[in-house]
Amino acid sequence: NLPGYPVVLAGHWEVDAGTSASTPLIASAFALLDAAQRARGRPR
């Protein structure tokens, strides 16, 4: 939680941490890689 991840919850900025923050970060990075692969005509 130092520094944590800034997120918006119910319209307010909060600091999130733990696997609740890091797992979506990693998942979204892989989703972007997957989208880039597909945009290049490569398989998922």
PDB file of all heavy atoms in Angstrom:
ATOM      1  N   ASN A   1       0.831  -1.211   0.000  1.00  0.00           N
ATOM      2  CA  ASN A   1       0.000   0.000   0.000  1.00  0.00           C
ATOM      3  C   ASN A   1       0.862   1.258   0.000  1.00  0.00           C
ATOM      4  O   ASN A   1       0.345   2.361   0.063  1.00  0.00           O
ATOM      5  CB  ASN A   1      -0.972  -0.001   1.180  1.00  0.00           C
ATOM      6  CG  ASN A   1      -0.274  -0.006   2.514  1.00  0.00           C
ATOM      7  OD1 ASN A   1       0.931  -0.194   2.585  1.00  0.00           O
ATOM      8  ND2 ASN A   1      -1.023   0.184   3.575  1.00  0.00           N
ATOM      9  N   LEU A   2       2.167   1.084  -0.083  1.00  0.00           N
ATOM     10  CA  LEU A   2       3.093   2.211  -0.218  1.00  0.00           C
ATOM     11  C   LEU A   2       3.833   2.076  -1.533  1.00  0.00           C
ATOM     12  O   LEU A   2       4.719   1.240  -1.646  1.00  0.00           O
ATOM     13  CB  LEU A   2       4.087   2.241   0.947  1.00  0.00           C
ATOM     14  CG  LEU A   2       3.458   2.472   2.311  1.00  0.00           C
ATOM     15  CD1 LEU A   2       4.485   2.306   3.404  1.00  0.00           C
ATOM     16  CD2 LEU A   2       2.803   3.837   2.393  1.00  0.00           C
ATOM     17  N   PRO A   3       3.519   2.721  -2.587  1.00  0.00           N
ATOM     18  CA  PRO A   3       2.587   3.829  -2.648  1.00  0.00           C
ATOM     19  C   PRO A   3       1.148   3.416  -2.901  1.00  0.00           C
ATOM     20  O   PRO A   3       0.242   4.225  -2.767  1.00  0.00           O
ATOM     21  CB  PRO A   3       3.115   4.650  -3.818  1.00  0.00           C
ATOM     22  CG  PRO A   3       3.676   3.624  -4.747  1.00  0.00           C
ATOM     23  CD  PRO A   3       4.248   2.558  -3.842  1.00  0.00           C
ATOM     24  N   GLY A   4       0.905   2.174  -3.299  1.00  0.00           N
ATOM     25  CA  GLY A   4      -0.453   1.742  -3.616  1.00  0.00           C
ATOM     26  C   GLY A   4      -0.834   2.167  -5.024  1.00  0.00           C
ATOM     27  O   GLY A   4      -0.043   2.744  -5.761  1.00  0.00           O
ATOM     28  N   TYR A   5      -2.042   1.845  -5.410  1.00  0.00           N
ATOM     29  CA  TYR A   5      -2.548   2.173  -6.737  1.00  0.00           C
ATOM     30  C   TYR A   5      -3.740   3.115  -6.600  1.00  0.00           C
ATOM     31  O   TYR A   5      -4.686   2.815  -5.867  1.00  0.00           O
ATOM     32  CB  TYR A   5      -3.006   0.901  -7.468  1.00  0.00           C
ATOM     33  CG  TYR A   5      -1.887  -0.061  -7.755  1.00  0.00           C
ATOM     34  CD1 TYR A   5      -1.613  -1.129  -6.912  1.00  0.00           C
ATOM     35  CD2 TYR A   5      -1.078   0.111  -8.879  1.00  0.00           C
ATOM     36  CE1 TYR A   5      -0.575  -2.006  -7.184  1.00  0.00           C
ATOM     37  CE2 TYR A   5      -0.044  -0.769  -9.154  1.00  0.00           C
ATOM     38  CZ  TYR A   5       0.205  -1.825  -8.305  1.00  0.00           C
ATOM     39  OH  TYR A   5       1.221  -2.689  -8.564  1.00  0.00           O
ATOM     40  N   PRO A   6      -3.726   4.253  -7.299  1.00  0.00           N
ATOM     41  CA  PRO A   6      -4.885   5.147  -7.238  1.00  0.00           C
ATOM     42  C   PRO A   6      -6.039   4.565  -8.052  1.00  0.00           C
ATOM     43  O   PRO A   6      -5.856   4.181  -9.206  1.00  0.00           O
ATOM     44  CB  PRO A   6      -4.364   6.448  -7.852  1.00  0.00           C
ATOM     45  CG  PRO A   6      -3.226   6.032  -8.723  1.00  0.00           C
ATOM     46  CD  PRO A   6      -2.653   4.785  -8.118  1.00  0.00           C
ATOM     47  N   VAL A   7      -7.194   4.460  -7.442  1.00  0.00           N
ATOM     48  CA  VAL A   7      -8.395   3.954  -8.111  1.00  0.00           C
ATOM     49  C   VAL A   7      -9.575   4.832  -7.733  1.00  0.00           C
ATOM     50  O   VAL A   7      -9.550   5.531  -6.717  1.00  0.00           O
ATOM     51  CB  VAL A   7      -8.690   2.487  -7.716  1.00  0.00           C
ATOM     52  CG1 VAL A   7      -7.568   1.570  -8.162  1.00  0.00           C
ATOM     53  CG2 VAL A   7      -8.917   2.348  -6.237  1.00  0.00           C
ATOM     54  N   VAL A   8     -10.601   4.791  -8.553  1.00  0.00           N
ATOM     55  CA  VAL A   8     -11.827   5.525  -8.248  1.00  0.00           C
ATOM     56  C   VAL A   8     -12.867   4.521  -7.777  1.00  0.00           C
ATOM     57  O   VAL A   8     -13.200   3.573  -8.488  1.00  0.00           O
ATOM     58  CB  VAL A   8     -12.347   6.296  -9.478  1.00  0.00           C
ATOM     59  CG1 VAL A   8     -13.677   6.969  -9.169  1.00  0.00           C
ATOM     60  CG2 VAL A   8     -11.321   7.321  -9.934  1.00  0.00           C
ATOM     61  N   LEU A   9     -13.363   4.713  -6.568  1.00  0.00           N
ATOM     62  CA  LEU A   9     -14.406   3.878  -5.994  1.00  0.00           C
ATOM     63  C   LEU A   9     -15.569   4.761  -5.603  1.00  0.00           C
ATOM     64  O   LEU A   9     -15.403   5.712  -4.839  1.00  0.00           O
ATOM     65  CB  LEU A   9     -13.897   3.122  -4.760  1.00  0.00           C
ATOM     66  CG  LEU A   9     -12.770   2.121  -4.998  1.00  0.00           C
ATOM     67  CD1 LEU A   9     -12.233   1.598  -3.681  1.00  0.00           C
ATOM     68  CD2 LEU A   9     -13.260   0.975  -5.854  1.00  0.00           C
ATOM     69  N   ALA A  10     -16.736   4.468  -6.151  1.00  0.00           N
ATOM     70  CA  ALA A  10     -17.941   5.250  -5.864  1.00  0.00           C
ATOM     71  C   ALA A  10     -17.699   6.737  -6.085  1.00  0.00           C
ATOM     72  O   ALA A  10     -18.153   7.579  -5.314  1.00  0.00           O
ATOM     73  CB  ALA A  10     -18.428   4.983  -4.447  1.00  0.00           C
ATOM     74  N   GLY A  11     -16.943   7.071  -7.146  1.00  0.00           N
ATOM     75  CA  GLY A  11     -16.717   8.470  -7.488  1.00  0.00           C
ATOM     76  C   GLY A  11     -15.638   9.172  -6.678  1.00  0.00           C
ATOM     77  O   GLY A  11     -15.446  10.366  -6.819  1.00  0.00           O
ATOM     78  N   HIS A  12     -14.928   8.436  -5.840  1.00  0.00           N
ATOM     79  CA  HIS A  12     -13.875   9.031  -5.012  1.00  0.00           C
ATOM     80  C   HIS A  12     -12.544   8.330  -5.253  1.00  0.00           C
ATOM     81  O   HIS A  12     -12.497   7.108  -5.398  1.00  0.00           O
ATOM     82  CB  HIS A  12     -14.224   8.913  -3.516  1.00  0.00           C
ATOM     83  CG  HIS A  12     -15.462   9.640  -3.152  1.00  0.00           C
ATOM     84  ND1 HIS A  12     -16.721   9.092  -3.261  1.00  0.00           N
ATOM     85  CD2 HIS A  12     -15.639  10.896  -2.681  1.00  0.00           C
ATOM     86  CE1 HIS A  12     -17.624   9.957  -2.872  1.00  0.00           C
ATOM     87  NE2 HIS A  12     -16.991  11.066  -2.525  1.00  0.00           N
ATOM     88  N   TRP A  13     -11.476   9.124  -5.270  1.00  0.00           N
ATOM     89  CA  TRP A  13     -10.142   8.552  -5.397  1.00  0.00           C
ATOM     90  C   TRP A  13      -9.763   7.879  -4.092  1.00  0.00           C
ATOM     91  O   TRP A  13      -9.923   8.442  -3.019  1.00  0.00           O
ATOM     92  CB  TRP A  13      -9.113   9.631  -5.733  1.00  0.00           C
ATOM     93  CG  TRP A  13      -9.167  10.055  -7.167  1.00  0.00           C
ATOM     94  CD1 TRP A  13      -9.767  11.154  -7.670  1.00  0.00           C
ATOM     95  CD2 TRP A  13      -8.609   9.357  -8.277  1.00  0.00           C
ATOM     96  NE1 TRP A  13      -9.631  11.194  -9.033  1.00  0.00           N
ATOM     97  CE2 TRP A  13      -8.918  10.100  -9.429  1.00  0.00           C
ATOM     98  CE3 TRP A  13      -7.892   8.180  -8.404  1.00  0.00           C
ATOM     99  CZ2 TRP A  13      -8.518   9.704 -10.697  1.00  0.00           C
ATOM    100  CZ3 TRP A  13      -7.489   7.790  -9.668  1.00  0.00           C
ATOM    101  CH2 TRP A  13      -7.801   8.544 -10.806  1.00  0.00           C
ATOM    102  N   GLU A  14      -9.259   6.660  -4.200  1.00  0.00           N
ATOM    103  CA  GLU A  14      -8.796   5.884  -3.053  1.00  0.00           C
ATOM    104  C   GLU A  14      -7.448   5.266  -3.417  1.00  0.00           C
ATOM    105  O   GLU A  14      -7.077   5.218  -4.584  1.00  0.00           O
ATOM    106  CB  GLU A  14      -9.776   4.740  -2.733  1.00  0.00           C
ATOM    107  CG  GLU A  14     -11.192   5.176  -2.467  1.00  0.00           C
ATOM    108  CD  GLU A  14     -11.383   5.773  -1.094  1.00  0.00           C
ATOM    109  OE1 GLU A  14     -10.533   5.526  -0.214  1.00  0.00           O
ATOM    110  OE2 GLU A  14     -12.369   6.488  -0.907  1.00  0.00           O
ATOM    111  N   VAL A  15      -6.743   4.777  -2.427  1.00  0.00           N
ATOM    112  CA  VAL A  15      -5.519   4.016  -2.660  1.00  0.00           C
ATOM    113  C   VAL A  15      -5.834   2.556  -2.396  1.00  0.00           C
ATOM    114  O   VAL A  15      -6.347   2.210  -1.333  1.00  0.00           O
ATOM    115  CB  VAL A  15      -4.370   4.494  -1.762  1.00  0.00           C
ATOM    116  CG1 VAL A  15      -3.150   3.596  -1.938  1.00  0.00           C
ATOM    117  CG2 VAL A  15      -4.019   5.936  -2.073  1.00  0.00           C
ATOM    118  N   ASP A  16      -5.572   1.718  -3.378  1.00  0.00           N
ATOM    119  CA  ASP A  16      -5.808   0.286  -3.243  1.00  0.00           C
ATOM    120  C   ASP A  16      -4.460  -0.420  -3.233  1.00  0.00           C
ATOM    121  O   ASP A  16      -3.462   0.102  -3.730  1.00  0.00           O
ATOM    122  CB  ASP A  16      -6.664  -0.214  -4.408  1.00  0.00           C
ATOM    123  CG  ASP A  16      -7.322  -1.548  -4.130  1.00  0.00           C
ATOM    124  OD1 ASP A  16      -7.259  -2.029  -2.979  1.00  0.00           O
ATOM    125  OD2 ASP A  16      -7.901  -2.122  -5.068  1.00  0.00           O
ATOM    126  N   ALA A  17      -4.430  -1.611  -2.663  1.00  0.00           N
ATOM    127  CA  ALA A  17      -3.179  -2.357  -2.576  1.00  0.00           C
ATOM    128  C   ALA A  17      -3.488  -3.842  -2.516  1.00  0.00           C
ATOM    129  O   ALA A  17      -4.640  -4.259  -2.615  1.00  0.00           O
ATOM    130  CB  ALA A  17      -2.395  -1.920  -1.342  1.00  0.00           C
ATOM    131  N   GLY A  18      -2.461  -4.650  -2.343  1.00  0.00           N
ATOM    132  CA  GLY A  18      -2.616  -6.091  -2.252  1.00  0.00           C
ATOM    133  C   GLY A  18      -2.950  -6.693  -3.601  1.00  0.00           C
ATOM    134  O   GLY A  18      -2.831  -6.059  -4.648  1.00  0.00           O
ATOM    135  N   THR A  19      -3.374  -7.944  -3.572  1.00  0.00           N
ATOM    136  CA  THR A  19      -3.737  -8.610  -4.814  1.00  0.00           C
ATOM    137  C   THR A  19      -4.977  -7.990  -5.439  1.00  0.00           C
ATOM    138  O   THR A  19      -5.187  -8.120  -6.641  1.00  0.00           O
ATOM    139  CB  THR A  19      -3.962 -10.118  -4.592  1.00  0.00           C
ATOM    140  OG1 THR A  19      -4.927 -10.293  -3.565  1.00  0.00           O
ATOM    141  CG2 THR A  19      -2.669 -10.816  -4.205  1.00  0.00           C
ATOM    142  N   SER A  20      -5.775  -7.268  -4.646  1.00  0.00           N
ATOM    143  CA  SER A  20      -6.946  -6.572  -5.197  1.00  0.00           C
ATOM    144  C   SER A  20      -6.533  -5.493  -6.182  1.00  0.00           C
ATOM    145  O   SER A  20      -7.321  -5.095  -7.038  1.00  0.00           O
ATOM    146  CB  SER A  20      -7.765  -5.942  -4.073  1.00  0.00           C
ATOM    147  OG  SER A  20      -8.268  -6.927  -3.223  1.00  0.00           O
ATOM    148  N   ALA A  21      -5.328  -4.987  -6.050  1.00  0.00           N
ATOM    149  CA  ALA A  21      -4.824  -3.967  -6.967  1.00  0.00           C
ATOM    150  C   ALA A  21      -3.866  -4.547  -7.997  1.00  0.00           C
ATOM    151  O   ALA A  21      -3.947  -4.235  -9.182  1.00  0.00           O
ATOM    152  CB  ALA A  21      -4.129  -2.859  -6.188  1.00  0.00           C
ATOM    153  N   SER A  22      -2.935  -5.384  -7.549  1.00  0.00           N
ATOM    154  CA  SER A  22      -1.900  -5.858  -8.462  1.00  0.00           C
ATOM    155  C   SER A  22      -2.426  -6.861  -9.489  1.00  0.00           C
ATOM    156  O   SER A  22      -1.969  -6.863 -10.634  1.00  0.00           O
ATOM    157  CB  SER A  22      -0.732  -6.454  -7.675  1.00  0.00           C
ATOM    158  OG  SER A  22      -1.140  -7.542  -6.889  1.00  0.00           O
ATOM    159  N   THR A  23      -3.376  -7.690  -9.111  1.00  0.00           N
ATOM    160  CA  THR A  23      -3.899  -8.676 -10.061  1.00  0.00           C
ATOM    161  C   THR A  23      -4.606  -8.016 -11.244  1.00  0.00           C
ATOM    162  O   THR A  23      -4.318  -8.356 -12.402  1.00  0.00           O
ATOM    163  CB  THR A  23      -4.816  -9.683  -9.344  1.00  0.00           C
ATOM    164  OG1 THR A  23      -4.044 -10.348  -8.349  1.00  0.00           O
ATOM    165  CG2 THR A  23      -5.401 -10.690 -10.310  1.00  0.00           C
ATOM    166  N   PRO A  24      -5.509  -7.040 -11.022  1.00  0.00           N
ATOM    167  CA  PRO A  24      -6.111  -6.374 -12.189  1.00  0.00           C
ATOM    168  C   PRO A  24      -5.089  -5.607 -13.040  1.00  0.00           C
ATOM    169  O   PRO A  24      -5.236  -5.528 -14.259  1.00  0.00           O
ATOM    170  CB  PRO A  24      -7.128  -5.408 -11.575  1.00  0.00           C
ATOM    171  CG  PRO A  24      -7.402  -5.946 -10.222  1.00  0.00           C
ATOM    172  CD  PRO A  24      -6.148  -6.630  -9.776  1.00  0.00           C
ATOM    173  N   LEU A  25      -4.054  -5.068 -12.410  1.00  0.00           N
ATOM    174  CA  LEU A  25      -3.013  -4.376 -13.161  1.00  0.00           C
ATOM    175  C   LEU A  25      -2.317  -5.342 -14.122  1.00  0.00           C
ATOM    176  O   LEU A  25      -2.178  -5.055 -15.312  1.00  0.00           O
ATOM    177  CB  LEU A  25      -1.994  -3.758 -12.209  1.00  0.00           C
ATOM    178  CG  LEU A  25      -0.798  -3.115 -12.894  1.00  0.00           C
ATOM    179  CD1 LEU A  25      -1.185  -1.782 -13.494  1.00  0.00           C
ATOM    180  CD2 LEU A  25       0.351  -2.950 -11.919  1.00  0.00           C
ATOM    181  N   ILE A  26      -1.909  -6.488 -13.611  1.00  0.00           N
ATOM    182  CA  ILE A  26      -1.238  -7.487 -14.445  1.00  0.00           C
ATOM    183  C   ILE A  26      -2.200  -8.026 -15.513  1.00  0.00           C
ATOM    184  O   ILE A  26      -1.827  -8.175 -16.686  1.00  0.00           O
ATOM    185  CB  ILE A  26      -0.681  -8.631 -13.579  1.00  0.00           C
ATOM    186  CG1 ILE A  26       0.431  -8.117 -12.661  1.00  0.00           C
ATOM    187  CG2 ILE A  26      -0.205  -9.798 -14.421  1.00  0.00           C
ATOM    188  CD1 ILE A  26       1.685  -7.662 -13.367  1.00  0.00           C
ATOM    189  N   ALA A  27      -3.445  -8.303 -15.126  1.00  0.00           N
ATOM    190  CA  ALA A  27      -4.424  -8.816 -16.087  1.00  0.00           C
ATOM    191  C   ALA A  27      -4.666  -7.815 -17.212  1.00  0.00           C
ATOM    192  O   ALA A  27      -4.754  -8.200 -18.386  1.00  0.00           O
ATOM    193  CB  ALA A  27      -5.734  -9.145 -15.375  1.00  0.00           C
ATOM    194  N   SER A  28      -4.752  -6.530 -16.883  1.00  0.00           N
ATOM    195  CA  SER A  28      -4.989  -5.528 -17.928  1.00  0.00           C
ATOM    196  C   SER A  28      -3.775  -5.386 -18.837  1.00  0.00           C
ATOM    197  O   SER A  28      -3.923  -5.193 -20.047  1.00  0.00           O
ATOM    198  CB  SER A  28      -5.379  -4.181 -17.312  1.00  0.00           C
ATOM    199  OG  SER A  28      -4.353  -3.682 -16.486  1.00  0.00           O
ATOM    200  N   ALA A  29      -2.571  -5.521 -18.294  1.00  0.00           N
ATOM    201  CA  ALA A  29      -1.379  -5.457 -19.141  1.00  0.00           C
ATOM    202  C   ALA A  29      -1.368  -6.623 -20.132  1.00  0.00           C
ATOM    203  O   ALA A  29      -1.053  -6.433 -21.316  1.00  0.00           O
ATOM    204  CB  ALA A  29      -0.119  -5.465 -18.277  1.00  0.00           C
ATOM    205  N   PHE A  30      -1.728  -7.813 -19.668  1.00  0.00           N
ATOM    206  CA  PHE A  30      -1.795  -8.943 -20.592  1.00  0.00           C
ATOM    207  C   PHE A  30      -2.936  -8.778 -21.597  1.00  0.00           C
ATOM    208  O   PHE A  30      -2.816  -9.198 -22.748  1.00  0.00           O
ATOM    209  CB  PHE A  30      -1.904 -10.267 -19.843  1.00  0.00           C
ATOM    210  CG  PHE A  30      -0.575 -10.765 -19.365  1.00  0.00           C
ATOM    211  CD1 PHE A  30      -0.298 -10.819 -18.019  1.00  0.00           C
ATOM    212  CD2 PHE A  30       0.398 -11.174 -20.254  1.00  0.00           C
ATOM    213  CE1 PHE A  30       0.935 -11.257 -17.565  1.00  0.00           C
ATOM    214  CE2 PHE A  30       1.633 -11.620 -19.827  1.00  0.00           C
ATOM    215  CZ  PHE A  30       1.905 -11.665 -18.469  1.00  0.00           C
ATOM    216  N   ALA A  31      -4.034  -8.152 -21.197  1.00  0.00           N
ATOM    217  CA  ALA A  31      -5.126  -7.885 -22.140  1.00  0.00           C
ATOM    218  C   ALA A  31      -4.658  -6.944 -23.247  1.00  0.00           C
ATOM    219  O   ALA A  31      -5.007  -7.124 -24.422  1.00  0.00           O
ATOM    220  CB  ALA A  31      -6.336  -7.307 -21.411  1.00  0.00           C
ATOM    221  N   LEU A  32      -3.853  -5.951 -22.888  1.00  0.00           N
ATOM    222  CA  LEU A  32      -3.302  -5.035 -23.900  1.00  0.00           C
ATOM    223  C   LEU A  32      -2.341  -5.762 -24.839  1.00  0.00           C
ATOM    224  O   LEU A  32      -2.351  -5.526 -26.051  1.00  0.00           O
ATOM    225  CB  LEU A  32      -2.607  -3.856 -23.226  1.00  0.00           C
ATOM    226  CG  LEU A  32      -3.531  -2.872 -22.506  1.00  0.00           C
ATOM    227  CD1 LEU A  32      -2.714  -1.871 -21.698  1.00  0.00           C
ATOM    228  CD2 LEU A  32      -4.447  -2.170 -23.499  1.00  0.00           C
ATOM    229  N   LEU A  33      -1.514  -6.641 -24.284  1.00  0.00           N
ATOM    230  CA  LEU A  33      -0.626  -7.440 -25.135  1.00  0.00           C
ATOM    231  C   LEU A  33      -1.434  -8.319 -26.086  1.00  0.00           C
ATOM    232  O   LEU A  33      -1.096  -8.444 -27.264  1.00  0.00           O
ATOM    233  CB  LEU A  33       0.285  -8.323 -24.286  1.00  0.00           C
ATOM    234  CG  LEU A  33       1.459  -7.665 -23.596  1.00  0.00           C
ATOM    235  CD1 LEU A  33       2.209  -8.694 -22.759  1.00  0.00           C
ATOM    236  CD2 LEU A  33       2.388  -7.003 -24.582  1.00  0.00           C
ATOM    237  N   ASP A  34      -2.489  -8.919 -25.574  1.00  0.00           N
ATOM    238  CA  ASP A  34      -3.349  -9.768 -26.391  1.00  0.00           C
ATOM    239  C   ASP A  34      -3.987  -8.959 -27.515  1.00  0.00           C
ATOM    240  O   ASP A  34      -4.012  -9.396 -28.669  1.00  0.00           O
ATOM    241  CB  ASP A  34      -4.417 -10.421 -25.514  1.00  0.00           C
ATOM    242  CG  ASP A  34      -5.260 -11.405 -26.286  1.00  0.00           C
ATOM    243  OD1 ASP A  34      -4.718 -12.457 -26.680  1.00  0.00           O
ATOM    244  OD2 ASP A  34      -6.454 -11.115 -26.490  1.00  0.00           O
ATOM    245  N   ALA A  35      -4.483  -7.770 -27.196  1.00  0.00           N
ATOM    246  CA  ALA A  35      -5.101  -6.914 -28.213  1.00  0.00           C
ATOM    247  C   ALA A  35      -4.074  -6.510 -29.273  1.00  0.00           C
ATOM    248  O   ALA A  35      -4.396  -6.477 -30.469  1.00  0.00           O
ATOM    249  CB  ALA A  35      -5.705  -5.671 -27.559  1.00  0.00           C
ATOM    250  N   ALA A  36      -2.848  -6.229 -28.859  1.00  0.00           N
ATOM    251  CA  ALA A  36      -1.799  -5.879 -29.820  1.00  0.00           C
ATOM    252  C   ALA A  36      -1.486  -7.066 -30.729  1.00  0.00           C
ATOM    253  O   ALA A  36      -1.271  -6.883 -31.937  1.00  0.00           O
ATOM    254  CB  ALA A  36      -0.549  -5.419 -29.082  1.00  0.00           C
ATOM    255  N   GLN A  37      -1.478  -8.253 -30.176  1.00  0.00           N
ATOM    256  CA  GLN A  37      -1.254  -9.457 -30.981  1.00  0.00           C
ATOM    257  C   GLN A  37      -2.341  -9.591 -32.037  1.00  0.00           C
ATOM    258  O   GLN A  37      -2.067  -9.841 -33.210  1.00  0.00           O
ATOM    259  CB  GLN A  37      -1.252 -10.706 -30.097  1.00  0.00           C
ATOM    260  CG  GLN A  37      -0.027 -10.884 -29.257  1.00  0.00           C
ATOM    261  CD  GLN A  37       1.156 -11.296 -30.097  1.00  0.00           C
ATOM    262  OE1 GLN A  37       2.018 -10.459 -30.386  1.00  0.00           O
ATOM    263  NE2 GLN A  37       1.214 -12.533 -30.507  1.00  0.00           N
ATOM    264  N   ARG A  38      -3.579  -9.429 -31.612  1.00  0.00           N
ATOM    265  CA  ARG A  38      -4.705  -9.573 -32.545  1.00  0.00           C
ATOM    266  C   ARG A  38      -4.689  -8.480 -33.599  1.00  0.00           C
ATOM    267  O   ARG A  38      -5.014  -8.727 -34.764  1.00  0.00           O
ATOM    268  CB  ARG A  38      -6.013  -9.596 -31.768  1.00  0.00           C
ATOM    269  CG  ARG A  38      -6.105 -10.895 -30.968  1.00  0.00           C
ATOM    270  CD  ARG A  38      -7.334 -11.093 -30.115  1.00  0.00           C
ATOM    271  NE  ARG A  38      -8.500 -10.351 -30.455  1.00  0.00           N
ATOM    272  CZ  ARG A  38      -9.196  -9.611 -29.591  1.00  0.00           C
ATOM    273  NH1 ARG A  38      -8.824  -9.533 -28.330  1.00  0.00           N
ATOM    274  NH2 ARG A  38     -10.282  -8.979 -29.963  1.00  0.00           N
ATOM    275  N   ALA A  39      -4.299  -7.259 -33.214  1.00  0.00           N
ATOM    276  CA  ALA A  39      -4.228  -6.165 -34.183  1.00  0.00           C
ATOM    277  C   ALA A  39      -3.170  -6.435 -35.252  1.00  0.00           C
ATOM    278  O   ALA A  39      -3.286  -5.941 -36.376  1.00  0.00           O
ATOM    279  CB  ALA A  39      -3.920  -4.853 -33.468  1.00  0.00           C
ATOM    280  N   ARG A  40      -2.157  -7.222 -34.926  1.00  0.00           N
ATOM    281  CA  ARG A  40      -1.110  -7.584 -35.878  1.00  0.00           C
ATOM    282  C   ARG A  40      -1.458  -8.843 -36.661  1.00  0.00           C
ATOM    283  O   ARG A  40      -0.642  -9.371 -37.403  1.00  0.00           O
ATOM    284  CB  ARG A  40       0.204  -7.793 -35.131  1.00  0.00           C
ATOM    285  CG  ARG A  40       0.731  -6.510 -34.536  1.00  0.00           C
ATOM    286  CD  ARG A  40       1.875  -6.703 -33.581  1.00  0.00           C
ATOM    287  NE  ARG A  40       3.014  -7.361 -34.214  1.00  0.00           N
ATOM    288  CZ  ARG A  40       4.026  -7.877 -33.530  1.00  0.00           C
ATOM    289  NH1 ARG A  40       4.037  -7.823 -32.212  1.00  0.00           N
ATOM    290  NH2 ARG A  40       5.025  -8.449 -34.148  1.00  0.00           N
ATOM    291  N   GLY A  41      -2.689  -9.352 -36.477  1.00  0.00           N
ATOM    292  CA  GLY A  41      -3.125 -10.543 -37.196  1.00  0.00           C
ATOM    293  C   GLY A  41      -2.604 -11.829 -36.601  1.00  0.00           C
ATOM    294  O   GLY A  41      -2.655 -12.872 -37.239  1.00  0.00           O
ATOM    295  N   ARG A  42      -2.111 -11.759 -35.387  1.00  0.00           N
ATOM    296  CA  ARG A  42      -1.594 -12.945 -34.710  1.00  0.00           C
ATOM    297  C   ARG A  42      -2.668 -13.546 -33.818  1.00  0.00           C
ATOM    298  O   ARG A  42      -3.622 -12.870 -33.451  1.00  0.00           O
ATOM    299  CB  ARG A  42      -0.373 -12.584 -33.862  1.00  0.00           C
ATOM    300  CG  ARG A  42       0.834 -12.207 -34.686  1.00  0.00           C
ATOM    301  CD  ARG A  42       2.007 -11.952 -33.788  1.00  0.00           C
ATOM    302  NE  ARG A  42       3.236 -11.813 -34.525  1.00  0.00           N
ATOM    303  CZ  ARG A  42       4.414 -11.676 -33.959  1.00  0.00           C
ATOM    304  NH1 ARG A  42       4.521 -11.666 -32.636  1.00  0.00           N
ATOM    305  NH2 ARG A  42       5.502 -11.556 -34.681  1.00  0.00           N
ATOM    306  N   PRO A  43      -2.498 -14.812 -33.448  1.00  0.00           N
ATOM    307  CA  PRO A  43      -3.492 -15.441 -32.570  1.00  0.00           C
ATOM    308  C   PRO A  43      -3.449 -14.844 -31.164  1.00  0.00           C
ATOM    309  O   PRO A  43      -2.466 -14.218 -30.761  1.00  0.00           O
ATOM    310  CB  PRO A  43      -3.087 -16.914 -32.556  1.00  0.00           C
ATOM    311  CG  PRO A  43      -1.687 -16.952 -33.022  1.00  0.00           C
ATOM    312  CD  PRO A  43      -1.455 -15.739 -33.860  1.00  0.00           C
ATOM    313  N   ARG A  44      -4.524 -15.058 -30.438  1.00  0.00           N
ATOM    314  CA  ARG A  44      -4.603 -14.602 -29.046  1.00  0.00           C
ATOM    315  C   ARG A  44      -3.502 -15.255 -28.230  1.00  0.00           C
ATOM    316  O   ARG A  44      -3.024 -16.331 -28.566  1.00  0.00           O
ATOM    317  CB  ARG A  44      -5.957 -14.960 -28.466  1.00  0.00           C
ATOM    318  CG  ARG A  44      -7.115 -14.310 -29.204  1.00  0.00           C
ATOM    319  CD  ARG A  44      -8.378 -14.567 -28.459  1.00  0.00           C
ATOM    320  NE  ARG A  44      -8.356 -13.715 -27.297  1.00  0.00           N
ATOM    321  CZ  ARG A  44      -9.310 -12.837 -26.987  1.00  0.00           C
ATOM    322  NH1 ARG A  44     -10.353 -12.734 -27.737  1.00  0.00           N
ATOM    323  NH2 ARG A  44      -9.208 -12.092 -25.918  1.00  0.00           N
TER     324      ARG A  44
END
